[in-house]
Amino acid sequence: MSYAIIRTGGKQFPVSEGETLRVPTIAAEEGNKVELEALVVGEGADAKFGGGKVSATVVGHGRGEKVIVFKKKRRKQYKRKQGHRQGYTEIKIEKF
């Protein structure tokens, strides 16, 4: 089973063909194909480093779970509460 390591949104993800995963938001419409930079393609002695491309299809967009950011300085009557939901794009890996 071969795999690739892709980089998108400042993060790296190990992927294999047919896999669906969530990556940071990509500016593409649902159903469109996108090309992602591959750092490594293959495995073992057959691995190729750098210069590879991985084709993927955008399945959908969404927003993750809410994360609460709470800041407090004790004895200073200072508190701040803020929520955040990170956006994501769900992609299906087609081929390397």
PDB file of N, CA and C in Angstrom:
ATOM      1  N   MET A   1       0.851  -1.185   0.000  1.00  0.00           N
ATOM      2  CA  MET A   1       0.000   0.000   0.000  1.00  0.00           C
ATOM      3  C   MET A   1       0.891   1.241   0.000  1.00  0.00           C
ATOM      4  N   SER A   2       0.873   1.991  -1.081  1.00  0.00           N
ATOM      5  CA  SER A   2       1.715   3.179  -1.150  1.00  0.00           C
ATOM      6  C   SER A   2       0.983   4.374  -0.535  1.00  0.00           C
ATOM      7  N   TYR A   3       1.766   5.339  -0.145  1.00  0.00           N
ATOM      8  CA  TYR A   3       1.196   6.529   0.446  1.00  0.00           C
ATOM      9  C   TYR A   3       2.003   7.737   0.016  1.00  0.00           C
ATOM     10  N   ALA A   4       1.491   8.915   0.341  1.00  0.00           N
ATOM     11  CA  ALA A   4       2.188  10.166   0.058  1.00  0.00           C
ATOM     12  C   ALA A   4       2.032  11.066   1.269  1.00  0.00           C
ATOM     13  N   ILE A   5       2.937  12.010   1.405  1.00  0.00           N
ATOM     14  CA  ILE A   5       2.822  13.029   2.439  1.00  0.00           C
ATOM     15  C   ILE A   5       2.614  14.348   1.713  1.00  0.00           C
ATOM     16  N   ILE A   6       1.466  14.994   1.960  1.00  0.00           N
ATOM     17  CA  ILE A   6       1.139  16.243   1.287  1.00  0.00           C
ATOM     18  C   ILE A   6       1.268  17.403   2.259  1.00  0.00           C
ATOM     19  N   ARG A   7       1.478  18.605   1.686  1.00  0.00           N
ATOM     20  CA  ARG A   7       1.519  19.809   2.507  1.00  0.00           C
ATOM     21  C   ARG A   7       0.451  20.764   2.008  1.00  0.00           C
ATOM     22  N   THR A   8      -0.427  21.216   2.917  1.00  0.00           N
ATOM     23  CA  THR A   8      -1.444  22.201   2.590  1.00  0.00           C
ATOM     24  C   THR A   8      -1.803  22.956   3.863  1.00  0.00           C
ATOM     25  N   GLY A   9      -1.998  24.239   3.748  1.00  0.00           N
ATOM     26  CA  GLY A   9      -2.367  25.048   4.900  1.00  0.00           C
ATOM     27  C   GLY A   9      -1.312  25.085   5.987  1.00  0.00           C
ATOM     28  N   GLY A  10      -0.035  24.897   5.620  1.00  0.00           N
ATOM     29  CA  GLY A  10       1.036  24.932   6.600  1.00  0.00           C
ATOM     30  C   GLY A  10       1.149  23.672   7.434  1.00  0.00           C
ATOM     31  N   LYS A  11       0.425  22.616   7.059  1.00  0.00           N
ATOM     32  CA  LYS A  11       0.459  21.357   7.788  1.00  0.00           C
ATOM     33  C   LYS A  11       0.776  20.225   6.822  1.00  0.00           C
ATOM     34  N   GLN A  12       1.223  19.104   7.368  1.00  0.00           N
ATOM     35  CA  GLN A  12       1.543  17.941   6.549  1.00  0.00           C
ATOM     36  C   GLN A  12       0.625  16.783   6.924  1.00  0.00           C
ATOM     37  N   PHE A  13       0.170  16.023   5.916  1.00  0.00           N
ATOM     38  CA  PHE A  13      -0.755  14.917   6.123  1.00  0.00           C
ATOM     39  C   PHE A  13      -0.293  13.693   5.348  1.00  0.00           C
ATOM     40  N   PRO A  14      -0.219  12.509   5.991  1.00  0.00           N
ATOM     41  CA  PRO A  14       0.022  11.279   5.235  1.00  0.00           C
ATOM     42  C   PRO A  14      -1.301  10.828   4.610  1.00  0.00           C
ATOM     43  N   VAL A  15      -1.292  10.505   3.314  1.00  0.00           N
ATOM     44  CA  VAL A  15      -2.521  10.112   2.626  1.00  0.00           C
ATOM     45  C   VAL A  15      -2.274   8.887   1.753  1.00  0.00           C
ATOM     46  N   SER A  16      -3.358   8.182   1.437  1.00  0.00           N
ATOM     47  CA  SER A  16      -3.313   7.088   0.480  1.00  0.00           C
ATOM     48  C   SER A  16      -4.497   7.256  -0.468  1.00  0.00           C
ATOM     49  N   GLU A  17      -4.472   6.571  -1.605  1.00  0.00           N
ATOM     50  CA  GLU A  17      -5.525   6.728  -2.604  1.00  0.00           C
ATOM     51  C   GLU A  17      -6.871   6.284  -2.064  1.00  0.00           C
ATOM     52  N   GLY A  18      -7.922   7.054  -2.393  1.00  0.00           N
ATOM     53  CA  GLY A  18      -9.269   6.734  -1.965  1.00  0.00           C
ATOM     54  C   GLY A  18      -9.624   7.248  -0.579  1.00  0.00           C
ATOM     55  N   GLU A  19      -8.676   7.821   0.127  1.00  0.00           N
ATOM     56  CA  GLU A  19      -8.899   8.305   1.492  1.00  0.00           C
ATOM     57  C   GLU A  19      -9.584   9.672   1.462  1.00  0.00           C
ATOM     58  N   THR A  20     -10.455   9.926   2.456  1.00  0.00           N
ATOM     59  CA  THR A  20     -11.090  11.222   2.633  1.00  0.00           C
ATOM     60  C   THR A  20     -10.560  11.837   3.921  1.00  0.00           C
ATOM     61  N   LEU A  21     -10.155  13.110   3.857  1.00  0.00           N
ATOM     62  CA  LEU A  21      -9.639  13.749   5.061  1.00  0.00           C
ATOM     63  C   LEU A  21      -9.979  15.227   5.084  1.00  0.00           C
ATOM     64  N   ARG A  22      -9.862  15.827   6.287  1.00  0.00           N
ATOM     65  CA  ARG A  22     -10.132  17.246   6.482  1.00  0.00           C
ATOM     66  C   ARG A  22      -8.818  18.006   6.563  1.00  0.00           C
ATOM     67  N   VAL A  23      -8.710  19.032   5.737  1.00  0.00           N
ATOM     68  CA  VAL A  23      -7.513  19.873   5.721  1.00  0.00           C
ATOM     69  C   VAL A  23      -7.955  21.319   5.942  1.00  0.00           C
ATOM     70  N   PRO A  24      -7.031  22.230   6.298  1.00  0.00           N
ATOM     71  CA  PRO A  24      -7.412  23.637   6.420  1.00  0.00           C
ATOM     72  C   PRO A  24      -8.034  24.140   5.115  1.00  0.00           C
ATOM     73  N   THR A  25      -8.891  25.122   5.219  1.00  0.00           N
ATOM     74  CA  THR A  25      -9.706  25.595   4.109  1.00  0.00           C
ATOM     75  C   THR A  25      -8.904  25.858   2.834  1.00  0.00           C
ATOM     76  N   ILE A  26      -9.422  25.317   1.723  1.00  0.00           N
ATOM     77  CA  ILE A  26      -8.862  25.531   0.387  1.00  0.00           C
ATOM     78  C   ILE A  26      -9.897  26.317  -0.400  1.00  0.00           C
ATOM     79  N   ALA A  27      -9.463  27.332  -1.136  1.00  0.00           N
ATOM     80  CA  ALA A  27     -10.382  28.158  -1.925  1.00  0.00           C
ATOM     81  C   ALA A  27     -10.731  27.443  -3.230  1.00  0.00           C
ATOM     82  N   ALA A  28     -11.673  26.502  -3.156  1.00  0.00           N
ATOM     83  CA  ALA A  28     -12.143  25.772  -4.333  1.00  0.00           C
ATOM     84  C   ALA A  28     -13.592  25.356  -4.092  1.00  0.00           C
ATOM     85  N   GLU A  29     -14.368  25.302  -5.152  1.00  0.00           N
ATOM     86  CA  GLU A  29     -15.773  24.917  -5.045  1.00  0.00           C
ATOM     87  C   GLU A  29     -15.913  23.407  -4.854  1.00  0.00           C
ATOM     88  N   GLU A  30     -17.042  22.982  -4.284  1.00  0.00           N
ATOM     89  CA  GLU A  30     -17.311  21.552  -4.123  1.00  0.00           C
ATOM     90  C   GLU A  30     -17.354  20.884  -5.489  1.00  0.00           C
ATOM     91  N   GLY A  31     -16.738  19.710  -5.584  1.00  0.00           N
ATOM     92  CA  GLY A  31     -16.711  18.966  -6.833  1.00  0.00           C
ATOM     93  C   GLY A  31     -15.515  19.280  -7.719  1.00  0.00           C
ATOM     94  N   ASN A  32     -14.817  20.364  -7.442  1.00  0.00           N
ATOM     95  CA  ASN A  32     -13.628  20.722  -8.243  1.00  0.00           C
ATOM     96  C   ASN A  32     -12.445  19.848  -7.864  1.00  0.00           C
ATOM     97  N   LYS A  33     -11.534  19.695  -8.818  1.00  0.00           N
ATOM     98  CA  LYS A  33     -10.303  18.958  -8.553  1.00  0.00           C
ATOM     99  C   LYS A  33      -9.214  19.950  -8.158  1.00  0.00           C
ATOM    100  N   VAL A  34      -8.373  19.540  -7.213  1.00  0.00           N
ATOM    101  CA  VAL A  34      -7.244  20.373  -6.784  1.00  0.00           C
ATOM    102  C   VAL A  34      -5.973  19.543  -6.838  1.00  0.00           C
ATOM    103  N   GLU A  35      -4.853  20.210  -7.089  1.00  0.00           N
ATOM    104  CA  GLU A  35      -3.542  19.558  -7.094  1.00  0.00           C
ATOM    105  C   GLU A  35      -2.806  20.019  -5.843  1.00  0.00           C
ATOM    106  N   LEU A  36      -2.296  19.073  -5.057  1.00  0.00           N
ATOM    107  CA  LEU A  36      -1.578  19.385  -3.833  1.00  0.00           C
ATOM    108  C   LEU A  36      -0.124  18.960  -3.964  1.00  0.00           C
ATOM    109  N   GLU A  37       0.758  19.708  -3.324  1.00  0.00           N
ATOM    110  CA  GLU A  37       2.186  19.414  -3.353  1.00  0.00           C
ATOM    111  C   GLU A  37       2.478  18.193  -2.490  1.00  0.00           C
ATOM    112  N   ALA A  38       3.202  17.235  -3.042  1.00  0.00           N
ATOM    113  CA  ALA A  38       3.581  16.032  -2.298  1.00  0.00           C
ATOM    114  C   ALA A  38       5.054  16.121  -1.918  1.00  0.00           C
ATOM    115  N   LEU A  39       5.350  15.908  -0.642  1.00  0.00           N
ATOM    116  CA  LEU A  39       6.729  15.927  -0.173  1.00  0.00           C
ATOM    117  C   LEU A  39       7.392  14.576  -0.407  1.00  0.00           C
ATOM    118  N   VAL A  40       6.632  13.492  -0.204  1.00  0.00           N
ATOM    119  CA  VAL A  40       7.128  12.128  -0.395  1.00  0.00           C
ATOM    120  C   VAL A  40       6.035  11.324  -1.085  1.00  0.00           C
ATOM    121  N   VAL A  41       6.413  10.521  -2.084  1.00  0.00           N
ATOM    122  CA  VAL A  41       5.466   9.626  -2.748  1.00  0.00           C
ATOM    123  C   VAL A  41       6.077   8.238  -2.751  1.00  0.00           C
ATOM    124  N   GLY A  42       5.307   7.220  -2.372  1.00  0.00           N
ATOM    125  CA  GLY A  42       5.789   5.846  -2.322  1.00  0.00           C
ATOM    126  C   GLY A  42       6.186   5.467  -0.915  1.00  0.00           C
ATOM    127  N   GLU A  43       6.835   4.290  -0.794  1.00  0.00           N
ATOM    128  CA  GLU A  43       7.304   3.869   0.518  1.00  0.00           C
ATOM    129  C   GLU A  43       8.534   2.996   0.381  1.00  0.00           C
ATOM    130  N   GLY A  44       9.291   2.925   1.445  1.00  0.00           N
ATOM    131  CA  GLY A  44      10.492   2.098   1.447  1.00  0.00           C
ATOM    132  C   GLY A  44      11.536   2.601   0.473  1.00  0.00           C
ATOM    133  N   ALA A  45      12.147   1.671  -0.249  1.00  0.00           N
ATOM    134  CA  ALA A  45      13.209   2.021  -1.193  1.00  0.00           C
ATOM    135  C   ALA A  45      12.663   2.727  -2.438  1.00  0.00           C
ATOM    136  N   ASP A  46      11.351   2.585  -2.696  1.00  0.00           N
ATOM    137  CA  ASP A  46      10.740   3.198  -3.874  1.00  0.00           C
ATOM    138  C   ASP A  46      10.280   4.629  -3.640  1.00  0.00           C
ATOM    139  N   ALA A  47      10.503   5.181  -2.467  1.00  0.00           N
ATOM    140  CA  ALA A  47      10.018   6.520  -2.132  1.00  0.00           C
ATOM    141  C   ALA A  47      10.747   7.577  -2.956  1.00  0.00           C
ATOM    142  N   LYS A  48       9.954   8.552  -3.462  1.00  0.00           N
ATOM    143  CA  LYS A  48      10.510   9.689  -4.190  1.00  0.00           C
ATOM    144  C   LYS A  48      10.261  10.937  -3.361  1.00  0.00           C
ATOM    145  N   PHE A  49      11.288  11.739  -3.181  1.00  0.00           N
ATOM    146  CA  PHE A  49      11.190  12.923  -2.343  1.00  0.00           C
ATOM    147  C   PHE A  49      11.092  14.185  -3.180  1.00  0.00           C
ATOM    148  N   GLY A  50      10.080  14.998  -2.883  1.00  0.00           N
ATOM    149  CA  GLY A  50       9.928  16.308  -3.512  1.00  0.00           C
ATOM    150  C   GLY A  50       9.434  16.252  -4.941  1.00  0.00           C
ATOM    151  N   GLY A  51       8.771  17.334  -5.358  1.00  0.00           N
ATOM    152  CA  GLY A  51       8.350  17.496  -6.739  1.00  0.00           C
ATOM    153  C   GLY A  51       7.141  16.701  -7.168  1.00  0.00           C
ATOM    154  N   GLY A  52       6.503  15.961  -6.274  1.00  0.00           N
ATOM    155  CA  GLY A  52       5.337  15.174  -6.653  1.00  0.00           C
ATOM    156  C   GLY A  52       4.049  15.960  -6.538  1.00  0.00           C
ATOM    157  N   LYS A  53       3.013  15.475  -7.211  1.00  0.00           N
ATOM    158  CA  LYS A  53       1.683  16.088  -7.149  1.00  0.00           C
ATOM    159  C   LYS A  53       0.671  15.023  -6.768  1.00  0.00           C
ATOM    160  N   VAL A  54      -0.338  15.434  -6.010  1.00  0.00           N
ATOM    161  CA  VAL A  54      -1.431  14.546  -5.628  1.00  0.00           C
ATOM    162  C   VAL A  54      -2.722  15.194  -6.085  1.00  0.00           C
ATOM    163  N   SER A  55      -3.562  14.454  -6.818  1.00  0.00           N
ATOM    164  CA  SER A  55      -4.859  14.959  -7.264  1.00  0.00           C
ATOM    165  C   SER A  55      -5.915  14.610  -6.234  1.00  0.00           C
ATOM    166  N   ALA A  56      -6.778  15.582  -5.956  1.00  0.00           N
ATOM    167  CA  ALA A  56      -7.854  15.360  -4.991  1.00  0.00           C
ATOM    168  C   ALA A  56      -9.099  16.095  -5.467  1.00  0.00           C
ATOM    169  N   THR A  57     -10.268  15.638  -4.992  1.00  0.00           N
ATOM    170  CA  THR A  57     -11.542  16.266  -5.293  1.00  0.00           C
ATOM    171  C   THR A  57     -12.103  16.864  -4.015  1.00  0.00           C
ATOM    172  N   VAL A  58     -12.620  18.090  -4.100  1.00  0.00           N
ATOM    173  CA  VAL A  58     -13.207  18.747  -2.941  1.00  0.00           C
ATOM    174  C   VAL A  58     -14.594  18.154  -2.703  1.00  0.00           C
ATOM    175  N   VAL A  59     -14.791  17.580  -1.506  1.00  0.00           N
ATOM    176  CA  VAL A  59     -16.075  16.963  -1.148  1.00  0.00           C
ATOM    177  C   VAL A  59     -16.985  18.002  -0.515  1.00  0.00           C
ATOM    178  N   GLY A  60     -16.441  18.868   0.338  1.00  0.00           N
ATOM    179  CA  GLY A  60     -17.264  19.885   0.987  1.00  0.00           C
ATOM    180  C   GLY A  60     -16.439  20.773   1.899  1.00  0.00           C
ATOM    181  N   HIS A  61     -17.119  21.778   2.438  1.00  0.00           N
ATOM    182  CA  HIS A  61     -16.504  22.717   3.369  1.00  0.00           C
ATOM    183  C   HIS A  61     -17.298  22.697   4.668  1.00  0.00           C
ATOM    184  N   GLY A  62     -16.648  23.080   5.757  1.00  0.00           N
ATOM    185  CA  GLY A  62     -17.357  23.128   7.030  1.00  0.00           C
ATOM    186  C   GLY A  62     -16.540  23.867   8.066  1.00  0.00           C
ATOM    187  N   ARG A  63     -17.049  23.824   9.298  1.00  0.00           N
ATOM    188  CA  ARG A  63     -16.359  24.442  10.415  1.00  0.00           C
ATOM    189  C   ARG A  63     -16.277  23.434  11.544  1.00  0.00           C
ATOM    190  N   GLY A  64     -15.140  23.413  12.230  1.00  0.00           N
ATOM    191  CA  GLY A  64     -14.901  22.441  13.287  1.00  0.00           C
ATOM    192  C   GLY A  64     -15.610  22.784  14.578  1.00  0.00           C
ATOM    193  N   GLU A  65     -15.287  22.028  15.619  1.00  0.00           N
ATOM    194  CA  GLU A  65     -15.857  22.242  16.939  1.00  0.00           C
ATOM    195  C   GLU A  65     -15.417  23.586  17.503  1.00  0.00           C
ATOM    196  N   LYS A  66     -16.246  24.162  18.366  1.00  0.00           N
ATOM    197  CA  LYS A  66     -15.906  25.437  18.979  1.00  0.00           C
ATOM    198  C   LYS A  66     -14.851  25.245  20.055  1.00  0.00           C
ATOM    199  N   VAL A  67     -13.870  26.131  20.042  1.00  0.00           N
ATOM    200  CA  VAL A  67     -12.820  26.150  21.050  1.00  0.00           C
ATOM    201  C   VAL A  67     -12.994  27.449  21.833  1.00  0.00           C
ATOM    202  N   ILE A  68     -13.024  27.359  23.153  1.00  0.00           N
ATOM    203  CA  ILE A  68     -13.170  28.535  23.996  1.00  0.00           C
ATOM    204  C   ILE A  68     -11.794  29.050  24.402  1.00  0.00           C
ATOM    205  N   VAL A  69     -11.556  30.350  24.167  1.00  0.00           N
ATOM    206  CA  VAL A  69     -10.304  30.995  24.567  1.00  0.00           C
ATOM    207  C   VAL A  69     -10.658  31.876  25.762  1.00  0.00           C
ATOM    208  N   PHE A  70     -10.084  31.558  26.927  1.00  0.00           N
ATOM    209  CA  PHE A  70     -10.394  32.298  28.145  1.00  0.00           C
ATOM    210  C   PHE A  70      -9.115  32.866  28.727  1.00  0.00           C
ATOM    211  N   LYS A  71      -9.084  34.184  28.879  1.00  0.00           N
ATOM    212  CA  LYS A  71      -7.916  34.856  29.451  1.00  0.00           C
ATOM    213  C   LYS A  71      -8.313  35.458  30.786  1.00  0.00           C
ATOM    214  N   LYS A  72      -7.405  35.382  31.751  1.00  0.00           N
ATOM    215  CA  LYS A  72      -7.695  35.935  33.072  1.00  0.00           C
ATOM    216  C   LYS A  72      -6.401  36.357  33.749  1.00  0.00           C
ATOM    217  N   LYS A  73      -6.453  37.499  34.405  1.00  0.00           N
ATOM    218  CA  LYS A  73      -5.344  37.934  35.256  1.00  0.00           C
ATOM    219  C   LYS A  73      -5.904  38.011  36.678  1.00  0.00           C
ATOM    220  N   ARG A  74      -5.378  37.198  37.554  1.00  0.00           N
ATOM    221  CA  ARG A  74      -5.937  37.127  38.897  1.00  0.00           C
ATOM    222  C   ARG A  74      -5.749  38.428  39.666  1.00  0.00           C
ATOM    223  N   ARG A  75      -6.740  38.729  40.456  1.00  0.00           N
ATOM    224  CA  ARG A  75      -6.781  39.921  41.324  1.00  0.00           C
ATOM    225  C   ARG A  75      -6.777  41.241  40.557  1.00  0.00           C
ATOM    226  N   LYS A  76      -7.041  41.226  39.264  1.00  0.00           N
ATOM    227  CA  LYS A  76      -7.029  42.468  38.477  1.00  0.00           C
ATOM    228  C   LYS A  76      -8.374  42.750  37.816  1.00  0.00           C
ATOM    229  N   GLN A  77      -9.388  41.969  38.116  1.00  0.00           N
ATOM    230  CA  GLN A  77     -10.712  42.099  37.506  1.00  0.00           C
ATOM    231  C   GLN A  77     -10.640  42.088  35.973  1.00  0.00           C
ATOM    232  N   TYR A  78      -9.753  41.250  35.437  1.00  0.00           N
ATOM    233  CA  TYR A  78      -9.598  41.143  33.987  1.00  0.00           C
ATOM    234  C   TYR A  78      -9.954  39.726  33.554  1.00  0.00           C
ATOM    235  N   LYS A  79     -10.998  39.609  32.703  1.00  0.00           N
ATOM    236  CA  LYS A  79     -11.376  38.321  32.110  1.00  0.00           C
ATOM    237  C   LYS A  79     -11.849  38.588  30.690  1.00  0.00           C
ATOM    238  N   ARG A  80     -11.498  37.709  29.775  1.00  0.00           N
ATOM    239  CA  ARG A  80     -11.980  37.783  28.397  1.00  0.00           C
ATOM    240  C   ARG A  80     -12.322  36.365  27.943  1.00  0.00           C
ATOM    241  N   LYS A  81     -13.493  36.216  27.379  1.00  0.00           N
ATOM    242  CA  LYS A  81     -13.922  34.918  26.873  1.00  0.00           C
ATOM    243  C   LYS A  81     -14.229  35.077  25.388  1.00  0.00           C
ATOM    244  N   GLN A  82     -13.642  34.218  24.583  1.00  0.00           N
ATOM    245  CA  GLN A  82     -13.834  34.300  23.151  1.00  0.00           C
ATOM    246  C   GLN A  82     -13.939  32.896  22.588  1.00  0.00           C
ATOM    247  N   GLY A  83     -14.824  32.692  21.627  1.00  0.00           N
ATOM    248  CA  GLY A  83     -14.958  31.398  20.972  1.00  0.00           C
ATOM    249  C   GLY A  83     -14.358  31.441  19.573  1.00  0.00           C
ATOM    250  N   HIS A  84     -13.963  30.271  19.073  1.00  0.00           N
ATOM    251  CA  HIS A  84     -13.381  30.188  17.736  1.00  0.00           C
ATOM    252  C   HIS A  84     -13.748  28.853  17.104  1.00  0.00           C
ATOM    253  N   ARG A  85     -14.109  28.885  15.825  1.00  0.00           N
ATOM    254  CA  ARG A  85     -14.350  27.660  15.062  1.00  0.00           C
ATOM    255  C   ARG A  85     -13.496  27.710  13.811  1.00  0.00           C
ATOM    256  N   GLN A  86     -12.615  26.743  13.668  1.00  0.00           N
ATOM    257  CA  GLN A  86     -11.694  26.702  12.529  1.00  0.00           C
ATOM    258  C   GLN A  86     -12.390  26.097  11.315  1.00  0.00           C
ATOM    259  N   GLY A  87     -12.232  26.734  10.172  1.00  0.00           N
ATOM    260  CA  GLY A  87     -12.806  26.217   8.938  1.00  0.00           C
ATOM    261  C   GLY A  87     -11.975  25.077   8.369  1.00  0.00           C
ATOM    262  N   TYR A  88     -12.614  24.173   7.624  1.00  0.00           N
ATOM    263  CA  TYR A  88     -11.897  23.065   6.988  1.00  0.00           C
ATOM    264  C   TYR A  88     -12.506  22.755   5.636  1.00  0.00           C
ATOM    265  N   THR A  89     -11.753  22.044   4.831  1.00  0.00           N
ATOM    266  CA  THR A  89     -12.216  21.531   3.546  1.00  0.00           C
ATOM    267  C   THR A  89     -12.024  20.020   3.582  1.00  0.00           C
ATOM    268  N   GLU A  90     -13.057  19.302   3.201  1.00  0.00           N
ATOM    269  CA  GLU A  90     -12.961  17.841   3.145  1.00  0.00           C
ATOM    270  C   GLU A  90     -12.609  17.440   1.713  1.00  0.00           C
ATOM    271  N   ILE A  91     -11.513  16.664   1.559  1.00  0.00           N
ATOM    272  CA  ILE A  91     -11.080  16.263   0.225  1.00  0.00           C
ATOM    273  C   ILE A  91     -10.975  14.747   0.126  1.00  0.00           C
ATOM    274  N   LYS A  92     -11.130  14.251  -1.097  1.00  0.00           N
ATOM    275  CA  LYS A  92     -10.959  12.817  -1.366  1.00  0.00           C
ATOM    276  C   LYS A  92      -9.769  12.673  -2.298  1.00  0.00           C
ATOM    277  N   ILE A  93      -8.785  11.877  -1.877  1.00  0.00           N
ATOM    278  CA  ILE A  93      -7.560  11.687  -2.641  1.00  0.00           C
ATOM    279  C   ILE A  93      -7.852  10.751  -3.826  1.00  0.00           C
ATOM    280  N   GLU A  94      -7.523  11.219  -5.035  1.00  0.00           N
ATOM    281  CA  GLU A  94      -7.788  10.436  -6.246  1.00  0.00           C
ATOM    282  C   GLU A  94      -6.560   9.628  -6.671  1.00  0.00           C
ATOM    283  N   LYS A  95      -5.458  10.306  -6.987  1.00  0.00           N
ATOM    284  CA  LYS A  95      -4.265   9.588  -7.449  1.00  0.00           C
ATOM    285  C   LYS A  95      -3.019  10.407  -7.164  1.00  0.00           C
ATOM    286  N   PHE A  96      -1.875   9.720  -7.182  1.00  0.00           N
ATOM    287  CA  PHE A  96      -0.574  10.371  -6.936  1.00  0.00           C
ATOM    288  C   PHE A  96       0.045  10.732  -8.271  1.00  0.00           C
TER     289      PHE A  96
END
